[in-house]
Amino acid sequence: RKGLLVHPLHFDFVLGVQMSATLRDLVFMAGSIPPGSTWTATGIG
């Protein structure tokens, strides 16, 4: 919103460090980013 990023945004969800790494959490994270964004995910351990 401050104009510091360029679209499309790209996220990496790192699950299993501060947030648990379940499919429920993955779906929640993927549903929380703007339409048109891309995303990568990793589960720790």
ModelCIF file with pLDDT and N, C-alpha, C, O atoms, coordinates in Angstrom:
data_MODEL
#
_entry.id   MODEL 
#
_entity.id                         1 
_entity.type                       polymer 
_entity.pdbx_number_of_molecules   1 
#
_entity_poly.entity_id                      1 
_entity_poly.type                           'polypeptide(L)' 
_entity_poly.nstd_linkage                   no 
_entity_poly.nstd_monomer                   no 
_entity_poly.pdbx_seq_one_letter_code       RKGLLVHPLHFDFVLGVQMSATLRDLVFMAGSIPPGSTWTATGIG 
_entity_poly.pdbx_seq_one_letter_code_can   RKGLLVHPLHFDFVLGVQMSATLRDLVFMAGSIPPGSTWTATGIG 
_entity_poly.pdbx_strand_id                 A 
#
loop_
_entity_poly_seq.entity_id 
_entity_poly_seq.num 
_entity_poly_seq.mon_id 
_entity_poly_seq.hetero 
1 1  ARG n 
1 2  LYS n 
1 3  GLY n 
1 4  LEU n 
1 5  LEU n 
1 6  VAL n 
1 7  HIS n 
1 8  PRO n 
1 9  LEU n 
1 10 HIS n 
1 11 PHE n 
1 12 ASP n 
1 13 PHE n 
1 14 VAL n 
1 15 LEU n 
1 16 GLY n 
1 17 VAL n 
1 18 GLN n 
1 19 MET n 
1 20 SER n 
1 21 ALA n 
1 22 THR n 
1 23 LEU n 
1 24 ARG n 
1 25 ASP n 
1 26 LEU n 
1 27 VAL n 
1 28 PHE n 
1 29 MET n 
1 30 ALA n 
1 31 GLY n 
1 32 SER n 
1 33 ILE n 
1 34 PRO n 
1 35 PRO n 
1 36 GLY n 
1 37 SER n 
1 38 THR n 
1 39 TRP n 
1 40 THR n 
1 41 ALA n 
1 42 THR n 
1 43 GLY n 
1 44 ILE n 
1 45 GLY n 
#
_struct_asym.id          A 
_struct_asym.entity_id   1 
#
loop_
_ma_qa_metric.id 
_ma_qa_metric.mode 
_ma_qa_metric.name 
_ma_qa_metric.software_group_id 
_ma_qa_metric.type 
1 global pLDDT . pLDDT 
2 local  pLDDT . pLDDT 
#
_ma_qa_metric_global.metric_id      1 
_ma_qa_metric_global.metric_value   97.16 
_ma_qa_metric_global.model_id       1 
_ma_qa_metric_global.ordinal_id     1 
#
loop_
_ma_qa_metric_local.label_asym_id 
_ma_qa_metric_local.label_comp_id 
_ma_qa_metric_local.label_seq_id 
_ma_qa_metric_local.metric_id 
_ma_qa_metric_local.metric_value 
_ma_qa_metric_local.model_id 
_ma_qa_metric_local.ordinal_id 
A ARG 1  2 98.00 1 1  
A LYS 2  2 98.00 1 2  
A GLY 3  2 98.00 1 3  
A LEU 4  2 98.00 1 4  
A LEU 5  2 97.00 1 5  
A VAL 6  2 92.00 1 6  
A HIS 7  2 94.00 1 7  
A PRO 8  2 96.00 1 8  
A LEU 9  2 98.00 1 9  
A HIS 10 2 98.00 1 10 
A PHE 11 2 98.00 1 11 
A ASP 12 2 98.00 1 12 
A PHE 13 2 98.00 1 13 
A VAL 14 2 98.00 1 14 
A LEU 15 2 98.00 1 15 
A GLY 16 2 97.00 1 16 
A VAL 17 2 95.00 1 17 
A GLN 18 2 93.00 1 18 
A MET 19 2 95.00 1 19 
A SER 20 2 96.00 1 20 
A ALA 21 2 97.00 1 21 
A THR 22 2 97.00 1 22 
A LEU 23 2 97.00 1 23 
A ARG 24 2 97.00 1 24 
A ASP 25 2 98.00 1 25 
A LEU 26 2 98.00 1 26 
A VAL 27 2 98.00 1 27 
A PHE 28 2 98.00 1 28 
A MET 29 2 98.00 1 29 
A ALA 30 2 98.00 1 30 
A GLY 31 2 98.00 1 31 
A SER 32 2 98.00 1 32 
A ILE 33 2 98.00 1 33 
A PRO 34 2 97.00 1 34 
A PRO 35 2 97.00 1 35 
A GLY 36 2 96.00 1 36 
A SER 37 2 98.00 1 37 
A THR 38 2 98.00 1 38 
A TRP 39 2 98.00 1 39 
A THR 40 2 98.00 1 40 
A ALA 41 2 98.00 1 41 
A THR 42 2 98.00 1 42 
A GLY 43 2 98.00 1 43 
A ILE 44 2 97.00 1 44 
A GLY 45 2 96.00 1 45 
#
loop_
_atom_site.group_PDB 
_atom_site.id 
_atom_site.type_symbol 
_atom_site.label_atom_id 
_atom_site.label_alt_id 
_atom_site.label_comp_id 
_atom_site.label_asym_id 
_atom_site.label_entity_id 
_atom_site.label_seq_id 
_atom_site.pdbx_PDB_ins_code 
_atom_site.Cartn_x 
_atom_site.Cartn_y 
_atom_site.Cartn_z 
_atom_site.occupancy 
_atom_site.B_iso_or_equiv 
_atom_site.pdbx_formal_charge 
_atom_site.auth_seq_id 
_atom_site.auth_comp_id 
_atom_site.auth_asym_id 
_atom_site.auth_atom_id 
_atom_site.pdbx_PDB_model_num 
ATOM 1   N N  . ARG A 1 1  ? 0.817  -1.218  0.000   1.00 98.00 ? 1  ARG A N  1 
ATOM 2   C CA . ARG A 1 1  ? 0.000  0.000   0.000   1.00 98.00 ? 1  ARG A CA 1 
ATOM 3   C C  . ARG A 1 1  ? 0.853  1.271   0.000   1.00 98.00 ? 1  ARG A C  1 
ATOM 4   O O  . ARG A 1 1  ? 0.399  2.334   -0.423  1.00 98.00 ? 1  ARG A O  1 
ATOM 5   N N  . LYS A 1 2  ? 2.086  1.146   0.477   1.00 98.00 ? 2  LYS A N  1 
ATOM 6   C CA . LYS A 1 2  ? 3.017  2.270   0.451   1.00 98.00 ? 2  LYS A CA 1 
ATOM 7   C C  . LYS A 1 2  ? 3.697  2.414   -0.916  1.00 98.00 ? 2  LYS A C  1 
ATOM 8   O O  . LYS A 1 2  ? 4.515  3.313   -1.117  1.00 98.00 ? 2  LYS A O  1 
ATOM 9   N N  . GLY A 1 3  ? 3.354  1.528   -1.847  1.00 98.00 ? 3  GLY A N  1 
ATOM 10  C CA . GLY A 1 3  ? 3.941  1.593   -3.181  1.00 98.00 ? 3  GLY A CA 1 
ATOM 11  C C  . GLY A 1 3  ? 5.345  1.029   -3.276  1.00 98.00 ? 3  GLY A C  1 
ATOM 12  O O  . GLY A 1 3  ? 6.089  1.371   -4.196  1.00 98.00 ? 3  GLY A O  1 
ATOM 13  N N  . LEU A 1 4  ? 5.724  0.158   -2.323  1.00 98.00 ? 4  LEU A N  1 
ATOM 14  C CA . LEU A 1 4  ? 7.086  -0.348  -2.268  1.00 98.00 ? 4  LEU A CA 1 
ATOM 15  C C  . LEU A 1 4  ? 7.290  -1.664  -3.011  1.00 98.00 ? 4  LEU A C  1 
ATOM 16  O O  . LEU A 1 4  ? 8.421  -2.126  -3.157  1.00 98.00 ? 4  LEU A O  1 
ATOM 17  N N  . LEU A 1 5  ? 6.199  -2.271  -3.480  1.00 97.00 ? 5  LEU A N  1 
ATOM 18  C CA . LEU A 1 5  ? 6.276  -3.563  -4.154  1.00 97.00 ? 5  LEU A CA 1 
ATOM 19  C C  . LEU A 1 5  ? 5.730  -3.457  -5.569  1.00 97.00 ? 5  LEU A C  1 
ATOM 20  O O  . LEU A 1 5  ? 4.946  -2.561  -5.881  1.00 97.00 ? 5  LEU A O  1 
ATOM 21  N N  . VAL A 1 6  ? 6.153  -4.376  -6.412  1.00 92.00 ? 6  VAL A N  1 
ATOM 22  C CA . VAL A 1 6  ? 5.708  -4.417  -7.803  1.00 92.00 ? 6  VAL A CA 1 
ATOM 23  C C  . VAL A 1 6  ? 4.891  -5.689  -8.014  1.00 92.00 ? 6  VAL A C  1 
ATOM 24  O O  . VAL A 1 6  ? 5.279  -6.765  -7.561  1.00 92.00 ? 6  VAL A O  1 
ATOM 25  N N  . HIS A 1 7  ? 3.768  -5.560  -8.698  1.00 94.00 ? 7  HIS A N  1 
ATOM 26  C CA . HIS A 1 7  ? 2.897  -6.713  -8.953  1.00 94.00 ? 7  HIS A CA 1 
ATOM 27  C C  . HIS A 1 7  ? 3.348  -7.463  -10.202 1.00 94.00 ? 7  HIS A C  1 
ATOM 28  O O  . HIS A 1 7  ? 3.940  -6.863  -11.099 1.00 94.00 ? 7  HIS A O  1 
ATOM 29  N N  . PRO A 1 8  ? 3.074  -8.783  -10.273 1.00 96.00 ? 8  PRO A N  1 
ATOM 30  C CA . PRO A 1 8  ? 2.363  -9.576  -9.270  1.00 96.00 ? 8  PRO A CA 1 
ATOM 31  C C  . PRO A 1 8  ? 3.246  -9.850  -8.049  1.00 96.00 ? 8  PRO A C  1 
ATOM 32  O O  . PRO A 1 8  ? 4.446  -10.091 -8.181  1.00 96.00 ? 8  PRO A O  1 
ATOM 33  N N  . LEU A 1 9  ? 2.641  -9.811  -6.872  1.00 98.00 ? 9  LEU A N  1 
ATOM 34  C CA . LEU A 1 9  ? 3.358  -10.160 -5.651  1.00 98.00 ? 9  LEU A CA 1 
ATOM 35  C C  . LEU A 1 9  ? 3.658  -11.654 -5.649  1.00 98.00 ? 9  LEU A C  1 
ATOM 36  O O  . LEU A 1 9  ? 2.891  -12.461 -6.174  1.00 98.00 ? 9  LEU A O  1 
ATOM 37  N N  . HIS A 1 10 ? 4.791  -12.000 -5.049  1.00 98.00 ? 10 HIS A N  1 
ATOM 38  C CA . HIS A 1 10 ? 5.130  -13.419 -4.905  1.00 98.00 ? 10 HIS A CA 1 
ATOM 39  C C  . HIS A 1 10 ? 5.491  -13.700 -3.441  1.00 98.00 ? 10 HIS A C  1 
ATOM 40  O O  . HIS A 1 10 ? 6.361  -13.045 -2.868  1.00 98.00 ? 10 HIS A O  1 
ATOM 41  N N  . PHE A 1 11 ? 4.812  -14.675 -2.855  1.00 98.00 ? 11 PHE A N  1 
ATOM 42  C CA . PHE A 1 11 ? 4.991  -15.035 -1.445  1.00 98.00 ? 11 PHE A CA 1 
ATOM 43  C C  . PHE A 1 11 ? 5.651  -16.405 -1.314  1.00 98.00 ? 11 PHE A C  1 
ATOM 44  O O  . PHE A 1 11 ? 5.520  -17.263 -2.187  1.00 98.00 ? 11 PHE A O  1 
ATOM 45  N N  . ASP A 1 12 ? 6.364  -16.588 -0.204  1.00 98.00 ? 12 ASP A N  1 
ATOM 46  C CA . ASP A 1 12 ? 6.849  -17.916 0.193   1.00 98.00 ? 12 ASP A CA 1 
ATOM 47  C C  . ASP A 1 12 ? 6.323  -18.195 1.589   1.00 98.00 ? 12 ASP A C  1 
ATOM 48  O O  . ASP A 1 12 ? 6.683  -17.502 2.540   1.00 98.00 ? 12 ASP A O  1 
ATOM 49  N N  . PHE A 1 13 ? 5.469  -19.212 1.719   1.00 98.00 ? 13 PHE A N  1 
ATOM 50  C CA . PHE A 1 13 ? 4.922  -19.606 3.012   1.00 98.00 ? 13 PHE A CA 1 
ATOM 51  C C  . PHE A 1 13 ? 5.875  -20.610 3.655   1.00 98.00 ? 13 PHE A C  1 
ATOM 52  O O  . PHE A 1 13 ? 6.033  -21.726 3.160   1.00 98.00 ? 13 PHE A O  1 
ATOM 53  N N  . VAL A 1 14 ? 6.509  -20.213 4.758   1.00 98.00 ? 14 VAL A N  1 
ATOM 54  C CA . VAL A 1 14 ? 7.405  -21.110 5.486   1.00 98.00 ? 14 VAL A CA 1 
ATOM 55  C C  . VAL A 1 14 ? 6.642  -21.633 6.687   1.00 98.00 ? 14 VAL A C  1 
ATOM 56  O O  . VAL A 1 14 ? 6.458  -20.922 7.676   1.00 98.00 ? 14 VAL A O  1 
ATOM 57  N N  . LEU A 1 15 ? 6.202  -22.871 6.598   1.00 98.00 ? 15 LEU A N  1 
ATOM 58  C CA . LEU A 1 15 ? 5.329  -23.450 7.621   1.00 98.00 ? 15 LEU A CA 1 
ATOM 59  C C  . LEU A 1 15 ? 6.101  -24.442 8.485   1.00 98.00 ? 15 LEU A C  1 
ATOM 60  O O  . LEU A 1 15 ? 6.898  -25.236 7.985   1.00 98.00 ? 15 LEU A O  1 
ATOM 61  N N  . GLY A 1 16 ? 5.850  -24.381 9.793   1.00 97.00 ? 16 GLY A N  1 
ATOM 62  C CA . GLY A 1 16 ? 6.503  -25.306 10.697  1.00 97.00 ? 16 GLY A CA 1 
ATOM 63  C C  . GLY A 1 16 ? 7.559  -24.659 11.568  1.00 97.00 ? 16 GLY A C  1 
ATOM 64  O O  . GLY A 1 16 ? 8.258  -25.352 12.309  1.00 97.00 ? 16 GLY A O  1 
ATOM 65  N N  . VAL A 1 17 ? 7.691  -23.329 11.493  1.00 95.00 ? 17 VAL A N  1 
ATOM 66  C CA . VAL A 1 17 ? 8.618  -22.599 12.371  1.00 95.00 ? 17 VAL A CA 1 
ATOM 67  C C  . VAL A 1 17 ? 7.804  -21.862 13.419  1.00 95.00 ? 17 VAL A C  1 
ATOM 68  O O  . VAL A 1 17 ? 7.826  -22.223 14.595  1.00 95.00 ? 17 VAL A O  1 
ATOM 69  N N  . GLN A 1 18 ? 7.091  -20.836 12.998  1.00 93.00 ? 18 GLN A N  1 
ATOM 70  C CA . GLN A 1 18 ? 6.273  -20.043 13.915  1.00 93.00 ? 18 GLN A CA 1 
ATOM 71  C C  . GLN A 1 18 ? 4.796  -20.426 13.818  1.00 93.00 ? 18 GLN A C  1 
ATOM 72  O O  . GLN A 1 18 ? 4.029  -20.225 14.760  1.00 93.00 ? 18 GLN A O  1 
ATOM 73  N N  . MET A 1 19 ? 4.415  -20.973 12.683  1.00 95.00 ? 19 MET A N  1 
ATOM 74  C CA . MET A 1 19 ? 3.038  -21.413 12.436  1.00 95.00 ? 19 MET A CA 1 
ATOM 75  C C  . MET A 1 19 ? 3.084  -22.894 12.120  1.00 95.00 ? 19 MET A C  1 
ATOM 76  O O  . MET A 1 19 ? 4.029  -23.354 11.479  1.00 95.00 ? 19 MET A O  1 
ATOM 77  N N  . SER A 1 20 ? 2.097  -23.649 12.550  1.00 96.00 ? 20 SER A N  1 
ATOM 78  C CA . SER A 1 20 ? 2.119  -25.087 12.294  1.00 96.00 ? 20 SER A CA 1 
ATOM 79  C C  . SER A 1 20 ? 2.031  -25.374 10.805  1.00 96.00 ? 20 SER A C  1 
ATOM 80  O O  . SER A 1 20 ? 1.578  -24.535 10.025  1.00 96.00 ? 20 SER A O  1 
ATOM 81  N N  . ALA A 1 21 ? 2.463  -26.556 10.421  1.00 97.00 ? 21 ALA A N  1 
ATOM 82  C CA . ALA A 1 21 ? 2.539  -26.943 9.009   1.00 97.00 ? 21 ALA A CA 1 
ATOM 83  C C  . ALA A 1 21 ? 1.517  -28.029 8.716   1.00 97.00 ? 21 ALA A C  1 
ATOM 84  O O  . ALA A 1 21 ? 1.850  -29.212 8.639   1.00 97.00 ? 21 ALA A O  1 
ATOM 85  N N  . THR A 1 22 ? 0.265  -27.607 8.555   1.00 97.00 ? 22 THR A N  1 
ATOM 86  C CA . THR A 1 22 ? -0.801 -28.541 8.202   1.00 97.00 ? 22 THR A CA 1 
ATOM 87  C C  . THR A 1 22 ? -1.455 -28.052 6.914   1.00 97.00 ? 22 THR A C  1 
ATOM 88  O O  . THR A 1 22 ? -1.260 -26.906 6.511   1.00 97.00 ? 22 THR A O  1 
ATOM 89  N N  . LEU A 1 23 ? -2.222 -28.913 6.274   1.00 97.00 ? 23 LEU A N  1 
ATOM 90  C CA . LEU A 1 23 ? -2.932 -28.507 5.063   1.00 97.00 ? 23 LEU A CA 1 
ATOM 91  C C  . LEU A 1 23 ? -3.947 -27.420 5.364   1.00 97.00 ? 23 LEU A C  1 
ATOM 92  O O  . LEU A 1 23 ? -4.196 -26.556 4.524   1.00 97.00 ? 23 LEU A O  1 
ATOM 93  N N  . ARG A 1 24 ? -4.543 -27.452 6.566   1.00 97.00 ? 24 ARG A N  1 
ATOM 94  C CA . ARG A 1 24 ? -5.459 -26.379 6.981   1.00 97.00 ? 24 ARG A CA 1 
ATOM 95  C C  . ARG A 1 24 ? -4.748 -25.040 6.941   1.00 97.00 ? 24 ARG A C  1 
ATOM 96  O O  . ARG A 1 24 ? -5.289 -24.064 6.422   1.00 97.00 ? 24 ARG A O  1 
ATOM 97  N N  . ASP A 1 25 ? -3.532 -24.984 7.488   1.00 98.00 ? 25 ASP A N  1 
ATOM 98  C CA . ASP A 1 25 ? -2.763 -23.743 7.525   1.00 98.00 ? 25 ASP A CA 1 
ATOM 99  C C  . ASP A 1 25 ? -2.369 -23.304 6.121   1.00 98.00 ? 25 ASP A C  1 
ATOM 100 O O  . ASP A 1 25 ? -2.397 -22.114 5.805   1.00 98.00 ? 25 ASP A O  1 
ATOM 101 N N  . LEU A 1 26 ? -2.003 -24.265 5.280   1.00 98.00 ? 26 LEU A N  1 
ATOM 102 C CA . LEU A 1 26 ? -1.623 -23.953 3.912   1.00 98.00 ? 26 LEU A CA 1 
ATOM 103 C C  . LEU A 1 26 ? -2.787 -23.312 3.156   1.00 98.00 ? 26 LEU A C  1 
ATOM 104 O O  . LEU A 1 26 ? -2.609 -22.306 2.468   1.00 98.00 ? 26 LEU A O  1 
ATOM 105 N N  . VAL A 1 27 ? -3.966 -23.894 3.288   1.00 98.00 ? 27 VAL A N  1 
ATOM 106 C CA . VAL A 1 27 ? -5.156 -23.344 2.619   1.00 98.00 ? 27 VAL A CA 1 
ATOM 107 C C  . VAL A 1 27 ? -5.450 -21.936 3.136   1.00 98.00 ? 27 VAL A C  1 
ATOM 108 O O  . VAL A 1 27 ? -5.779 -21.045 2.353   1.00 98.00 ? 27 VAL A O  1 
ATOM 109 N N  . PHE A 1 28 ? -5.334 -21.732 4.440   1.00 98.00 ? 28 PHE A N  1 
ATOM 110 C CA . PHE A 1 28 ? -5.582 -20.426 5.034   1.00 98.00 ? 28 PHE A CA 1 
ATOM 111 C C  . PHE A 1 28 ? -4.619 -19.381 4.493   1.00 98.00 ? 28 PHE A C  1 
ATOM 112 O O  . PHE A 1 28 ? -5.030 -18.275 4.141   1.00 98.00 ? 28 PHE A O  1 
ATOM 113 N N  . MET A 1 29 ? -3.340 -19.728 4.426   1.00 98.00 ? 29 MET A N  1 
ATOM 114 C CA . MET A 1 29 ? -2.339 -18.776 3.927   1.00 98.00 ? 29 MET A CA 1 
ATOM 115 C C  . MET A 1 29 ? -2.582 -18.456 2.454   1.00 98.00 ? 29 MET A C  1 
ATOM 116 O O  . MET A 1 29 ? -2.547 -17.291 2.058   1.00 98.00 ? 29 MET A O  1 
ATOM 117 N N  . ALA A 1 30 ? -2.826 -19.477 1.648   1.00 98.00 ? 30 ALA A N  1 
ATOM 118 C CA . ALA A 1 30 ? -3.043 -19.260 0.215   1.00 98.00 ? 30 ALA A CA 1 
ATOM 119 C C  . ALA A 1 30 ? -4.281 -18.412 -0.040  1.00 98.00 ? 30 ALA A C  1 
ATOM 120 O O  . ALA A 1 30 ? -4.339 -17.670 -1.021  1.00 98.00 ? 30 ALA A O  1 
ATOM 121 N N  . GLY A 1 31 ? -5.272 -18.522 0.845   1.00 98.00 ? 31 GLY A N  1 
ATOM 122 C CA . GLY A 1 31 ? -6.486 -17.733 0.698   1.00 98.00 ? 31 GLY A CA 1 
ATOM 123 C C  . GLY A 1 31 ? -6.374 -16.322 1.236   1.00 98.00 ? 31 GLY A C  1 
ATOM 124 O O  . GLY A 1 31 ? -7.327 -15.548 1.146   1.00 98.00 ? 31 GLY A O  1 
ATOM 125 N N  . SER A 1 32 ? -5.220 -15.974 1.796   1.00 98.00 ? 32 SER A N  1 
ATOM 126 C CA . SER A 1 32 ? -5.047 -14.668 2.438   1.00 98.00 ? 32 SER A CA 1 
ATOM 127 C C  . SER A 1 32 ? -4.251 -13.679 1.607   1.00 98.00 ? 32 SER A C  1 
ATOM 128 O O  . SER A 1 32 ? -4.021 -12.553 2.047   1.00 98.00 ? 32 SER A O  1 
ATOM 129 N N  . ILE A 1 33 ? -3.823 -14.075 0.409   1.00 98.00 ? 33 ILE A N  1 
ATOM 130 C CA . ILE A 1 33 ? -3.018 -13.184 -0.423  1.00 98.00 ? 33 ILE A CA 1 
ATOM 131 C C  . ILE A 1 33 ? -3.866 -12.616 -1.560  1.00 98.00 ? 33 ILE A C  1 
ATOM 132 O O  . ILE A 1 33 ? -4.893 -13.200 -1.906  1.00 98.00 ? 33 ILE A O  1 
ATOM 133 N N  . PRO A 1 34 ? -3.462 -11.500 -2.143  1.00 97.00 ? 34 PRO A N  1 
ATOM 134 C CA . PRO A 1 34 ? -4.284 -10.851 -3.169  1.00 97.00 ? 34 PRO A CA 1 
ATOM 135 C C  . PRO A 1 34 ? -4.444 -11.718 -4.426  1.00 97.00 ? 34 PRO A C  1 
ATOM 136 O O  . PRO A 1 34 ? -3.536 -12.471 -4.779  1.00 97.00 ? 34 PRO A O  1 
ATOM 137 N N  . PRO A 1 35 ? -5.590 -11.615 -5.096  1.00 97.00 ? 35 PRO A N  1 
ATOM 138 C CA . PRO A 1 35 ? -5.783 -12.312 -6.368  1.00 97.00 ? 35 PRO A CA 1 
ATOM 139 C C  . PRO A 1 35 ? -4.682 -11.928 -7.360  1.00 97.00 ? 35 PRO A C  1 
ATOM 140 O O  . PRO A 1 35 ? -4.261 -10.774 -7.432  1.00 97.00 ? 35 PRO A O  1 
ATOM 141 N N  . GLY A 1 36 ? -4.235 -12.915 -8.111  1.00 96.00 ? 36 GLY A N  1 
ATOM 142 C CA . GLY A 1 36 ? -3.179 -12.659 -9.085  1.00 96.00 ? 36 GLY A CA 1 
ATOM 143 C C  . GLY A 1 36 ? -1.780 -12.844 -8.553  1.00 96.00 ? 36 GLY A C  1 
ATOM 144 O O  . GLY A 1 36 ? -0.823 -12.846 -9.327  1.00 96.00 ? 36 GLY A O  1 
ATOM 145 N N  . SER A 1 37 ? -1.634 -13.003 -7.232  1.00 98.00 ? 37 SER A N  1 
ATOM 146 C CA . SER A 1 37 ? -0.322 -13.252 -6.648  1.00 98.00 ? 37 SER A CA 1 
ATOM 147 C C  . SER A 1 37 ? 0.102  -14.695 -6.900  1.00 98.00 ? 37 SER A C  1 
ATOM 148 O O  . SER A 1 37 ? -0.739 -15.574 -7.091  1.00 98.00 ? 37 SER A O  1 
ATOM 149 N N  . THR A 1 38 ? 1.398  -14.927 -6.899  1.00 98.00 ? 38 THR A N  1 
ATOM 150 C CA . THR A 1 38 ? 1.921  -16.289 -6.951  1.00 98.00 ? 38 THR A CA 1 
ATOM 151 C C  . THR A 1 38 ? 2.485  -16.648 -5.582  1.00 98.00 ? 38 THR A C  1 
ATOM 152 O O  . THR A 1 38 ? 2.787  -15.772 -4.772  1.00 98.00 ? 38 THR A O  1 
ATOM 153 N N  . TRP A 1 39 ? 2.623  -17.946 -5.339  1.00 98.00 ? 39 TRP A N  1 
ATOM 154 C CA . TRP A 1 39 ? 3.143  -18.356 -4.034  1.00 98.00 ? 39 TRP A CA 1 
ATOM 155 C C  . TRP A 1 39 ? 3.882  -19.688 -4.111  1.00 98.00 ? 39 TRP A C  1 
ATOM 156 O O  . TRP A 1 39 ? 3.586  -20.566 -4.921  1.00 98.00 ? 39 TRP A O  1 
ATOM 157 N N  . THR A 1 40 ? 4.850  -19.777 -3.228  1.00 98.00 ? 40 THR A N  1 
ATOM 158 C CA . THR A 1 40 ? 5.631  -20.989 -3.007  1.00 98.00 ? 40 THR A CA 1 
ATOM 159 C C  . THR A 1 40 ? 5.400  -21.399 -1.558  1.00 98.00 ? 40 THR A C  1 
ATOM 160 O O  . THR A 1 40 ? 5.110  -20.547 -0.718  1.00 98.00 ? 40 THR A O  1 
ATOM 161 N N  . ALA A 1 41 ? 5.522  -22.676 -1.254  1.00 98.00 ? 41 ALA A N  1 
ATOM 162 C CA . ALA A 1 41 ? 5.398  -23.112 0.137   1.00 98.00 ? 41 ALA A CA 1 
ATOM 163 C C  . ALA A 1 41 ? 6.464  -24.143 0.462   1.00 98.00 ? 41 ALA A C  1 
ATOM 164 O O  . ALA A 1 41 ? 6.904  -24.908 -0.396  1.00 98.00 ? 41 ALA A O  1 
ATOM 165 N N  . THR A 1 42 ? 6.860  -24.142 1.711   1.00 98.00 ? 42 THR A N  1 
ATOM 166 C CA . THR A 1 42 ? 7.764  -25.172 2.214   1.00 98.00 ? 42 THR A CA 1 
ATOM 167 C C  . THR A 1 42 ? 7.313  -25.586 3.603   1.00 98.00 ? 42 THR A C  1 
ATOM 168 O O  . THR A 1 42 ? 6.901  -24.755 4.412   1.00 98.00 ? 42 THR A O  1 
ATOM 169 N N  . GLY A 1 43 ? 7.396  -26.876 3.866   1.00 98.00 ? 43 GLY A N  1 
ATOM 170 C CA . GLY A 1 43 ? 7.141  -27.406 5.200   1.00 98.00 ? 43 GLY A CA 1 
ATOM 171 C C  . GLY A 1 43 ? 8.464  -27.807 5.816   1.00 98.00 ? 43 GLY A C  1 
ATOM 172 O O  . GLY A 1 43 ? 9.256  -28.507 5.186   1.00 98.00 ? 43 GLY A O  1 
ATOM 173 N N  . ILE A 1 44 ? 8.711  -27.373 7.039   1.00 97.00 ? 44 ILE A N  1 
ATOM 174 C CA . ILE A 1 44 ? 9.985  -27.657 7.689   1.00 97.00 ? 44 ILE A CA 1 
ATOM 175 C C  . ILE A 1 44 ? 9.987  -29.085 8.256   1.00 97.00 ? 44 ILE A C  1 
ATOM 176 O O  . ILE A 1 44 ? 9.011  -29.535 8.855   1.00 97.00 ? 44 ILE A O  1 
ATOM 177 N N  . GLY A 1 45 ? 11.112 -29.779 8.048   1.00 96.00 ? 45 GLY A N  1 
ATOM 178 C CA . GLY A 1 45 ? 11.274 -31.112 8.620   1.00 96.00 ? 45 GLY A CA 1 
ATOM 179 C C  . GLY A 1 45 ? 10.269 -32.115 8.095   1.00 96.00 ? 45 GLY A C  1 
ATOM 180 O O  . GLY A 1 45 ? 10.292 -33.279 8.494   1.00 96.00 ? 45 GLY A O  1 
#
